[in-house]
């Protein structure tokens, strides 16, 4: 059950990081597209994967969401994980 305990500690951090904490009791149907994108990235990061594969991760995000996601993905890569993503947005600075 150690894995379960670690996840319980990480979930609030991810919800706060992606500005989802105040909406944590809402259903996904009530979320905007950008909020659903942030939920999906939080879920992908929950297990701290060695390889993160993202398809159009910036779709539907506002500028703050894009900046947050960019920072999180950069930090994940800097920690030694591989990150692969596809995007039609060419203006995201890496």
PDB file of N, CA and C in Angstrom:
ATOM      1  N   UNK A   1       0.804  -1.198   0.000  1.00  0.00           N
ATOM      2  CA  UNK A   1       0.000   0.000   0.000  1.00  0.00           C
ATOM      3  C   UNK A   1       0.852   1.269   0.000  1.00  0.00           C
ATOM      4  N   UNK A   2       2.158   1.140  -0.035  1.00  0.00           N
ATOM      5  CA  UNK A   2       3.042   2.307  -0.058  1.00  0.00           C
ATOM      6  C   UNK A   2       2.773   3.160  -1.299  1.00  0.00           C
ATOM      7  N   UNK A   3       2.545   2.530  -2.437  1.00  0.00           N
ATOM      8  CA  UNK A   3       2.280   3.269  -3.671  1.00  0.00           C
ATOM      9  C   UNK A   3       1.019   4.104  -3.512  1.00  0.00           C
ATOM     10  N   UNK A   4      -0.016   3.538  -2.930  1.00  0.00           N
ATOM     11  CA  UNK A   4      -1.278   4.252  -2.735  1.00  0.00           C
ATOM     12  C   UNK A   4      -1.067   5.482  -1.857  1.00  0.00           C
ATOM     13  N   UNK A   5      -0.287   5.354  -0.805  1.00  0.00           N
ATOM     14  CA  UNK A   5      -0.034   6.462   0.115  1.00  0.00           C
ATOM     15  C   UNK A   5       0.710   7.588  -0.605  1.00  0.00           C
ATOM     16  N   UNK A   6       1.689   7.233  -1.423  1.00  0.00           N
ATOM     17  CA  UNK A   6       2.443   8.242  -2.169  1.00  0.00           C
ATOM     18  C   UNK A   6       1.502   8.994  -3.107  1.00  0.00           C
ATOM     19  N   UNK A   7       0.617   8.305  -3.790  1.00  0.00           N
ATOM     20  CA  UNK A   7      -0.320   8.960  -4.690  1.00  0.00           C
ATOM     21  C   UNK A   7      -1.235   9.907  -3.931  1.00  0.00           C
ATOM     22  N   UNK A   8      -1.685   9.502  -2.753  1.00  0.00           N
ATOM     23  CA  UNK A   8      -2.556  10.368  -1.966  1.00  0.00           C
ATOM     24  C   UNK A   8      -1.846  11.656  -1.566  1.00  0.00           C
ATOM     25  N   UNK A   9      -0.544  11.597  -1.410  1.00  0.00           N
ATOM     26  CA  UNK A   9       0.216  12.796  -1.080  1.00  0.00           C
ATOM     27  C   UNK A   9       0.455  13.663  -2.308  1.00  0.00           C
ATOM     28  N   UNK A  10       0.579  13.052  -3.469  1.00  0.00           N
ATOM     29  CA  UNK A  10       0.892  13.776  -4.699  1.00  0.00           C
ATOM     30  C   UNK A  10      -0.351  14.429  -5.306  1.00  0.00           C
ATOM     31  N   UNK A  11      -1.508  13.822  -5.164  1.00  0.00           N
ATOM     32  CA  UNK A  11      -2.730  14.333  -5.797  1.00  0.00           C
ATOM     33  C   UNK A  11      -3.021  15.777  -5.405  1.00  0.00           C
ATOM     34  N   UNK A  12      -3.035  16.135  -4.122  1.00  0.00           N
ATOM     35  CA  UNK A  12      -3.302  17.546  -3.789  1.00  0.00           C
ATOM     36  C   UNK A  12      -2.268  18.507  -4.393  1.00  0.00           C
ATOM     37  N   UNK A  13      -1.018  18.090  -4.433  1.00  0.00           N
ATOM     38  CA  UNK A  13       0.023  18.934  -5.025  1.00  0.00           C
ATOM     39  C   UNK A  13      -0.249  19.183  -6.502  1.00  0.00           C
ATOM     40  N   UNK A  14      -0.604  18.132  -7.233  1.00  0.00           N
ATOM     41  CA  UNK A  14      -0.886  18.273  -8.659  1.00  0.00           C
ATOM     42  C   UNK A  14      -2.137  19.125  -8.896  1.00  0.00           C
ATOM     43  N   UNK A  15      -3.158  18.921  -8.080  1.00  0.00           N
ATOM     44  CA  UNK A  15      -4.376  19.724  -8.232  1.00  0.00           C
ATOM     45  C   UNK A  15      -4.093  21.203  -7.991  1.00  0.00           C
ATOM     46  N   UNK A  16      -3.275  21.496  -7.008  1.00  0.00           N
ATOM     47  CA  UNK A  16      -2.932  22.892  -6.739  1.00  0.00           C
ATOM     48  C   UNK A  16      -2.043  23.464  -7.839  1.00  0.00           C
ATOM     49  N   UNK A  17      -1.093  22.681  -8.294  1.00  0.00           N
ATOM     50  CA  UNK A  17      -0.180  23.129  -9.343  1.00  0.00           C
ATOM     51  C   UNK A  17      -0.933  23.518 -10.614  1.00  0.00           C
ATOM     52  N   UNK A  18      -1.909  22.702 -10.976  1.00  0.00           N
ATOM     53  CA  UNK A  18      -2.663  22.944 -12.206  1.00  0.00           C
ATOM     54  C   UNK A  18      -3.946  23.749 -11.975  1.00  0.00           C
ATOM     55  N   UNK A  19      -4.022  24.411 -10.830  1.00  0.00           N
ATOM     56  CA  UNK A  19      -5.143  25.297 -10.506  1.00  0.00           C
ATOM     57  C   UNK A  19      -6.494  24.590 -10.576  1.00  0.00           C
ATOM     58  N   UNK A  20      -6.536  23.363 -10.090  1.00  0.00           N
ATOM     59  CA  UNK A  20      -7.752  22.560 -10.100  1.00  0.00           C
ATOM     60  C   UNK A  20      -8.295  22.307  -8.691  1.00  0.00           C
ATOM     61  N   UNK A  21      -7.589  22.760  -7.687  1.00  0.00           N
ATOM     62  CA  UNK A  21      -7.954  22.450  -6.308  1.00  0.00           C
ATOM     63  C   UNK A  21      -9.363  22.918  -5.972  1.00  0.00           C
ATOM     64  N   UNK A  22      -9.713  24.129  -6.356  1.00  0.00           N
ATOM     65  CA  UNK A  22     -11.029  24.666  -6.010  1.00  0.00           C
ATOM     66  C   UNK A  22     -12.168  23.951  -6.738  1.00  0.00           C
ATOM     67  N   UNK A  23     -11.863  23.262  -7.810  1.00  0.00           N
ATOM     68  CA  UNK A  23     -12.873  22.544  -8.596  1.00  0.00           C
ATOM     69  C   UNK A  23     -12.790  21.037  -8.412  1.00  0.00           C
ATOM     70  N   UNK A  24     -12.101  20.590  -7.387  1.00  0.00           N
ATOM     71  CA  UNK A  24     -11.836  19.155  -7.235  1.00  0.00           C
ATOM     72  C   UNK A  24     -13.086  18.306  -7.038  1.00  0.00           C
ATOM     73  N   UNK A  25     -14.182  18.895  -6.603  1.00  0.00           N
ATOM     74  CA  UNK A  25     -15.405  18.124  -6.405  1.00  0.00           C
ATOM     75  C   UNK A  25     -16.378  18.249  -7.571  1.00  0.00           C
ATOM     76  N   UNK A  26     -15.999  18.993  -8.585  1.00  0.00           N
ATOM     77  CA  UNK A  26     -16.849  19.127  -9.773  1.00  0.00           C
ATOM     78  C   UNK A  26     -16.666  17.903 -10.667  1.00  0.00           C
ATOM     79  N   UNK A  27     -17.669  17.627 -11.479  1.00  0.00           N
ATOM     80  CA  UNK A  27     -17.544  16.525 -12.431  1.00  0.00           C
ATOM     81  C   UNK A  27     -16.743  16.994 -13.639  1.00  0.00           C
ATOM     82  N   UNK A  28     -16.161  16.062 -14.345  1.00  0.00           N
ATOM     83  CA  UNK A  28     -15.403  16.402 -15.551  1.00  0.00           C
ATOM     84  C   UNK A  28     -16.296  17.089 -16.581  1.00  0.00           C
ATOM     85  N   UNK A  29     -17.570  16.746 -16.601  1.00  0.00           N
ATOM     86  CA  UNK A  29     -18.501  17.363 -17.559  1.00  0.00           C
ATOM     87  C   UNK A  29     -18.605  18.871 -17.324  1.00  0.00           C
ATOM     88  N   UNK A  30     -18.368  19.324 -16.111  1.00  0.00           N
ATOM     89  CA  UNK A  30     -18.450  20.745 -15.788  1.00  0.00           C
ATOM     90  C   UNK A  30     -17.159  21.496 -16.126  1.00  0.00           C
ATOM     91  N   UNK A  31     -16.098  20.769 -16.441  1.00  0.00           N
ATOM     92  CA  UNK A  31     -14.810  21.392 -16.726  1.00  0.00           C
ATOM     93  C   UNK A  31     -14.747  21.917 -18.159  1.00  0.00           C
ATOM     94  N   UNK A  32     -14.003  22.988 -18.340  1.00  0.00           N
ATOM     95  CA  UNK A  32     -13.731  23.495 -19.686  1.00  0.00           C
ATOM     96  C   UNK A  32     -12.705  22.572 -20.342  1.00  0.00           C
ATOM     97  N   UNK A  33     -12.470  22.776 -21.634  1.00  0.00           N
ATOM     98  CA  UNK A  33     -11.484  21.947 -22.334  1.00  0.00           C
ATOM     99  C   UNK A  33     -10.098  22.122 -21.715  1.00  0.00           C
ATOM    100  N   UNK A  34      -9.757  23.359 -21.359  1.00  0.00           N
ATOM    101  CA  UNK A  34      -8.456  23.604 -20.748  1.00  0.00           C
ATOM    102  C   UNK A  34      -8.303  22.917 -19.406  1.00  0.00           C
ATOM    103  N   UNK A  35      -9.376  22.917 -18.618  1.00  0.00           N
ATOM    104  CA  UNK A  35      -9.327  22.231 -17.326  1.00  0.00           C
ATOM    105  C   UNK A  35      -9.170  20.729 -17.524  1.00  0.00           C
ATOM    106  N   UNK A  36      -9.840  20.168 -18.519  1.00  0.00           N
ATOM    107  CA  UNK A  36      -9.694  18.728 -18.800  1.00  0.00           C
ATOM    108  C   UNK A  36      -8.264  18.416 -19.244  1.00  0.00           C
ATOM    109  N   UNK A  37      -7.660  19.314 -20.020  1.00  0.00           N
ATOM    110  CA  UNK A  37      -6.271  19.118 -20.431  1.00  0.00           C
ATOM    111  C   UNK A  37      -5.354  19.078 -19.210  1.00  0.00           C
ATOM    112  N   UNK A  38      -5.600  19.979 -18.261  1.00  0.00           N
ATOM    113  CA  UNK A  38      -4.771  20.016 -17.055  1.00  0.00           C
ATOM    114  C   UNK A  38      -4.975  18.765 -16.210  1.00  0.00           C
ATOM    115  N   UNK A  39      -6.200  18.257 -16.153  1.00  0.00           N
ATOM    116  CA  UNK A  39      -6.467  17.002 -15.430  1.00  0.00           C
ATOM    117  C   UNK A  39      -5.689  15.857 -16.077  1.00  0.00           C
ATOM    118  N   UNK A  40      -5.689  15.819 -17.396  1.00  0.00           N
ATOM    119  CA  UNK A  40      -4.990  14.741 -18.100  1.00  0.00           C
ATOM    120  C   UNK A  40      -3.482  14.788 -17.861  1.00  0.00           C
ATOM    121  N   UNK A  41      -2.902  15.975 -17.847  1.00  0.00           N
ATOM    122  CA  UNK A  41      -1.467  16.059 -17.570  1.00  0.00           C
ATOM    123  C   UNK A  41      -1.170  15.676 -16.125  1.00  0.00           C
ATOM    124  N   UNK A  42      -2.013  16.112 -15.211  1.00  0.00           N
ATOM    125  CA  UNK A  42      -1.826  15.727 -13.804  1.00  0.00           C
ATOM    126  C   UNK A  42      -1.888  14.210 -13.661  1.00  0.00           C
ATOM    127  N   UNK A  43      -2.843  13.586 -14.347  1.00  0.00           N
ATOM    128  CA  UNK A  43      -2.962  12.123 -14.293  1.00  0.00           C
ATOM    129  C   UNK A  43      -1.727  11.455 -14.890  1.00  0.00           C
ATOM    130  N   UNK A  44      -1.200  12.027 -15.967  1.00  0.00           N
ATOM    131  CA  UNK A  44      -0.003  11.459 -16.595  1.00  0.00           C
ATOM    132  C   UNK A  44       1.209  11.567 -15.680  1.00  0.00           C
ATOM    133  N   UNK A  45       1.273  12.611 -14.886  1.00  0.00           N
ATOM    134  CA  UNK A  45       2.417  12.824 -13.994  1.00  0.00           C
ATOM    135  C   UNK A  45       2.280  12.120 -12.649  1.00  0.00           C
ATOM    136  N   UNK A  46       1.111  11.625 -12.355  1.00  0.00           N
ATOM    137  CA  UNK A  46       0.823  11.029 -11.049  1.00  0.00           C
ATOM    138  C   UNK A  46       1.816   9.935 -10.668  1.00  0.00           C
ATOM    139  N   UNK A  47       2.238   9.156 -11.613  1.00  0.00           N
ATOM    140  CA  UNK A  47       3.124   8.020 -11.333  1.00  0.00           C
ATOM    141  C   UNK A  47       4.592   8.344 -11.593  1.00  0.00           C
ATOM    142  N   UNK A  48       4.881   9.628 -11.898  1.00  0.00           N
ATOM    143  CA  UNK A  48       6.243  10.052 -12.179  1.00  0.00           C
ATOM    144  C   UNK A  48       6.893   9.162 -13.248  1.00  0.00           C
ATOM    145  N   UNK A  49       6.330   9.146 -14.450  1.00  0.00           N
ATOM    146  CA  UNK A  49       6.822   8.224 -15.479  1.00  0.00           C
ATOM    147  C   UNK A  49       8.212   8.596 -15.990  1.00  0.00           C
ATOM    148  N   UNK A  50       8.930   7.587 -16.460  1.00  0.00           N
ATOM    149  CA  UNK A  50      10.244   7.810 -17.061  1.00  0.00           C
ATOM    150  C   UNK A  50      10.110   8.421 -18.452  1.00  0.00           C
ATOM    151  N   UNK A  51       8.974   8.183 -19.109  1.00  0.00           N
ATOM    152  CA  UNK A  51       8.719   8.719 -20.436  1.00  0.00           C
ATOM    153  C   UNK A  51       7.316   9.297 -20.456  1.00  0.00           C
ATOM    154  N   UNK A  52       7.210  10.542 -20.865  1.00  0.00           N
ATOM    155  CA  UNK A  52       5.935  11.233 -20.946  1.00  0.00           C
ATOM    156  C   UNK A  52       5.656  11.507 -22.420  1.00  0.00           C
ATOM    157  N   UNK A  53       4.562  10.941 -22.950  1.00  0.00           N
ATOM    158  CA  UNK A  53       4.188  11.130 -24.345  1.00  0.00           C
ATOM    159  C   UNK A  53       2.885  11.920 -24.364  1.00  0.00           C
ATOM    160  N   UNK A  54       2.920  13.100 -24.987  1.00  0.00           N
ATOM    161  CA  UNK A  54       1.774  13.998 -24.995  1.00  0.00           C
ATOM    162  C   UNK A  54       1.388  14.350 -26.425  1.00  0.00           C
ATOM    163  N   UNK A  55       0.099  14.314 -26.713  1.00  0.00           N
ATOM    164  CA  UNK A  55      -0.415  14.675 -28.030  1.00  0.00           C
ATOM    165  C   UNK A  55      -1.225  15.954 -27.886  1.00  0.00           C
ATOM    166  N   UNK A  56      -0.785  17.029 -28.515  1.00  0.00           N
ATOM    167  CA  UNK A  56      -1.449  18.331 -28.450  1.00  0.00           C
ATOM    168  C   UNK A  56      -1.727  18.773 -27.003  1.00  0.00           C
ATOM    169  N   UNK A  57      -0.718  18.812 -26.158  1.00  0.00           N
ATOM    170  CA  UNK A  57      -0.947  19.127 -24.744  1.00  0.00           C
ATOM    171  C   UNK A  57      -1.389  20.569 -24.490  1.00  0.00           C
ATOM    172  N   UNK A  58      -1.189  21.476 -25.444  1.00  0.00           N
ATOM    173  CA  UNK A  58      -1.526  22.880 -25.233  1.00  0.00           C
ATOM    174  C   UNK A  58      -2.899  23.251 -25.781  1.00  0.00           C
ATOM    175  N   UNK A  59      -3.561  22.305 -26.395  1.00  0.00           N
ATOM    176  CA  UNK A  59      -4.871  22.564 -26.988  1.00  0.00           C
ATOM    177  C   UNK A  59      -5.886  22.965 -25.926  1.00  0.00           C
ATOM    178  N   UNK A  60      -6.515  24.110 -26.119  1.00  0.00           N
ATOM    179  CA  UNK A  60      -7.555  24.564 -25.199  1.00  0.00           C
ATOM    180  C   UNK A  60      -7.063  25.287 -23.966  1.00  0.00           C
ATOM    181  N   UNK A  61      -5.747  25.430 -23.821  1.00  0.00           N
ATOM    182  CA  UNK A  61      -5.209  26.097 -22.626  1.00  0.00           C
ATOM    183  C   UNK A  61      -5.099  27.599 -22.826  1.00  0.00           C
ATOM    184  N   UNK A  62      -5.304  28.332 -21.755  1.00  0.00           N
ATOM    185  CA  UNK A  62      -5.085  29.772 -21.771  1.00  0.00           C
ATOM    186  C   UNK A  62      -3.583  30.020 -21.572  1.00  0.00           C
ATOM    187  N   UNK A  63      -3.119  31.260 -21.722  1.00  0.00           N
ATOM    188  CA  UNK A  63      -1.678  31.530 -21.576  1.00  0.00           C
ATOM    189  C   UNK A  63      -1.093  31.073 -20.237  1.00  0.00           C
ATOM    190  N   UNK A  64      -1.836  31.219 -19.152  1.00  0.00           N
ATOM    191  CA  UNK A  64      -1.330  30.762 -17.848  1.00  0.00           C
ATOM    192  C   UNK A  64      -1.206  29.246 -17.831  1.00  0.00           C
ATOM    193  N   UNK A  65      -2.183  28.553 -18.397  1.00  0.00           N
ATOM    194  CA  UNK A  65      -2.131  27.097 -18.474  1.00  0.00           C
ATOM    195  C   UNK A  65      -0.970  26.617 -19.325  1.00  0.00           C
ATOM    196  N   UNK A  66      -0.715  27.312 -20.433  1.00  0.00           N
ATOM    197  CA  UNK A  66       0.416  26.950 -21.302  1.00  0.00           C
ATOM    198  C   UNK A  66       1.731  27.149 -20.554  1.00  0.00           C
ATOM    199  N   UNK A  67       1.863  28.271 -19.851  1.00  0.00           N
ATOM    200  CA  UNK A  67       3.095  28.534 -19.097  1.00  0.00           C
ATOM    201  C   UNK A  67       3.300  27.486 -18.001  1.00  0.00           C
ATOM    202  N   UNK A  68       2.223  27.145 -17.297  1.00  0.00           N
ATOM    203  CA  UNK A  68       2.319  26.138 -16.235  1.00  0.00           C
ATOM    204  C   UNK A  68       2.722  24.792 -16.811  1.00  0.00           C
ATOM    205  N   UNK A  69       2.049  24.387 -17.892  1.00  0.00           N
ATOM    206  CA  UNK A  69       2.356  23.091 -18.488  1.00  0.00           C
ATOM    207  C   UNK A  69       3.786  23.057 -19.019  1.00  0.00           C
ATOM    208  N   UNK A  70       4.224  24.143 -19.636  1.00  0.00           N
ATOM    209  CA  UNK A  70       5.589  24.205 -20.150  1.00  0.00           C
ATOM    210  C   UNK A  70       6.595  24.059 -19.014  1.00  0.00           C
ATOM    211  N   UNK A  71       6.374  24.767 -17.922  1.00  0.00           N
ATOM    212  CA  UNK A  71       7.286  24.678 -16.772  1.00  0.00           C
ATOM    213  C   UNK A  71       7.327  23.267 -16.195  1.00  0.00           C
ATOM    214  N   UNK A  72       6.158  22.653 -16.054  1.00  0.00           N
ATOM    215  CA  UNK A  72       6.092  21.311 -15.473  1.00  0.00           C
ATOM    216  C   UNK A  72       6.792  20.295 -16.371  1.00  0.00           C
ATOM    217  N   UNK A  73       6.559  20.391 -17.660  1.00  0.00           N
ATOM    218  CA  UNK A  73       7.191  19.452 -18.602  1.00  0.00           C
ATOM    219  C   UNK A  73       8.702  19.656 -18.614  1.00  0.00           C
ATOM    220  N   UNK A  74       9.143  20.909 -18.573  1.00  0.00           N
ATOM    221  CA  UNK A  74      10.590  21.183 -18.524  1.00  0.00           C
ATOM    222  C   UNK A  74      11.221  20.608 -17.255  1.00  0.00           C
ATOM    223  N   UNK A  75      10.560  20.797 -16.125  1.00  0.00           N
ATOM    224  CA  UNK A  75      11.074  20.262 -14.859  1.00  0.00           C
ATOM    225  C   UNK A  75      11.133  18.743 -14.892  1.00  0.00           C
ATOM    226  N   UNK A  76      10.110  18.128 -15.479  1.00  0.00           N
ATOM    227  CA  UNK A  76      10.086  16.667 -15.573  1.00  0.00           C
ATOM    228  C   UNK A  76      11.255  16.172 -16.426  1.00  0.00           C
ATOM    229  N   UNK A  77      11.511  16.858 -17.539  1.00  0.00           N
ATOM    230  CA  UNK A  77      12.631  16.491 -18.404  1.00  0.00           C
ATOM    231  C   UNK A  77      13.968  16.746 -17.706  1.00  0.00           C
ATOM    232  N   UNK A  78      14.070  17.852 -16.989  1.00  0.00           N
ATOM    233  CA  UNK A  78      15.313  18.178 -16.276  1.00  0.00           C
ATOM    234  C   UNK A  78      15.624  17.152 -15.184  1.00  0.00           C
ATOM    235  N   UNK A  79      14.577  16.500 -14.683  1.00  0.00           N
ATOM    236  CA  UNK A  79      14.766  15.468 -13.654  1.00  0.00           C
ATOM    237  C   UNK A  79      15.209  14.143 -14.267  1.00  0.00           C
ATOM    238  N   UNK A  80      15.354  14.111 -15.588  1.00  0.00           N
ATOM    239  CA  UNK A  80      15.866  12.911 -16.235  1.00  0.00           C
ATOM    240  C   UNK A  80      14.851  12.104 -17.008  1.00  0.00           C
ATOM    241  N   UNK A  81      13.617  12.541 -17.047  1.00  0.00           N
ATOM    242  CA  UNK A  81      12.588  11.808 -17.786  1.00  0.00           C
ATOM    243  C   UNK A  81      12.616  12.221 -19.253  1.00  0.00           C
ATOM    244  N   UNK A  82      12.169  11.316 -20.092  1.00  0.00           N
ATOM    245  CA  UNK A  82      12.022  11.640 -21.501  1.00  0.00           C
ATOM    246  C   UNK A  82      10.654  12.255 -21.734  1.00  0.00           C
ATOM    247  N   UNK A  83      10.604  13.235 -22.627  1.00  0.00           N
ATOM    248  CA  UNK A  83       9.342  13.886 -22.957  1.00  0.00           C
ATOM    249  C   UNK A  83       9.235  13.962 -24.474  1.00  0.00           C
ATOM    250  N   UNK A  84       8.129  13.441 -24.993  1.00  0.00           N
ATOM    251  CA  UNK A  84       7.842  13.504 -26.424  1.00  0.00           C
ATOM    252  C   UNK A  84       6.458  14.099 -26.562  1.00  0.00           C
ATOM    253  N   UNK A  85       6.335  15.131 -27.399  1.00  0.00           N
ATOM    254  CA  UNK A  85       5.006  15.677 -27.622  1.00  0.00           C
ATOM    255  C   UNK A  85       4.866  16.156 -29.059  1.00  0.00           C
ATOM    256  N   UNK A  86       3.634  16.138 -29.524  1.00  0.00           N
ATOM    257  CA  UNK A  86       3.333  16.680 -30.843  1.00  0.00           C
ATOM    258  C   UNK A  86       2.430  17.878 -30.640  1.00  0.00           C
ATOM    259  N   UNK A  87       2.622  18.889 -31.481  1.00  0.00           N
ATOM    260  CA  UNK A  87       1.810  20.089 -31.359  1.00  0.00           C
ATOM    261  C   UNK A  87       1.801  20.841 -32.677  1.00  0.00           C
ATOM    262  N   UNK A  88       0.676  21.471 -32.957  1.00  0.00           N
ATOM    263  CA  UNK A  88       0.583  22.359 -34.108  1.00  0.00           C
ATOM    264  C   UNK A  88       0.909  23.792 -33.708  1.00  0.00           C
ATOM    265  N   UNK A  89       1.077  24.034 -32.419  1.00  0.00           N
ATOM    266  CA  UNK A  89       1.419  25.371 -31.940  1.00  0.00           C
ATOM    267  C   UNK A  89       2.923  25.534 -31.999  1.00  0.00           C
ATOM    268  N   UNK A  90       3.365  26.404 -32.876  1.00  0.00           N
ATOM    269  CA  UNK A  90       4.783  26.605 -33.063  1.00  0.00           C
ATOM    270  C   UNK A  90       5.347  27.752 -32.218  1.00  0.00           C
ATOM    271  N   UNK A  91       4.464  28.501 -31.559  1.00  0.00           N
ATOM    272  CA  UNK A  91       4.917  29.652 -30.803  1.00  0.00           C
ATOM    273  C   UNK A  91       5.257  29.345 -29.343  1.00  0.00           C
ATOM    274  N   UNK A  92       5.205  28.086 -28.961  1.00  0.00           N
ATOM    275  CA  UNK A  92       5.575  27.715 -27.592  1.00  0.00           C
ATOM    276  C   UNK A  92       7.092  27.639 -27.510  1.00  0.00           C
ATOM    277  N   UNK A  93       7.664  28.510 -26.696  1.00  0.00           N
ATOM    278  CA  UNK A  93       9.117  28.573 -26.596  1.00  0.00           C
ATOM    279  C   UNK A  93       9.679  27.454 -25.734  1.00  0.00           C
ATOM    280  N   UNK A  94      10.617  26.708 -26.253  1.00  0.00           N
ATOM    281  CA  UNK A  94      11.283  25.657 -25.490  1.00  0.00           C
ATOM    282  C   UNK A  94      12.729  26.006 -25.426  1.00  0.00           C
TER     283      UNK A  94
END
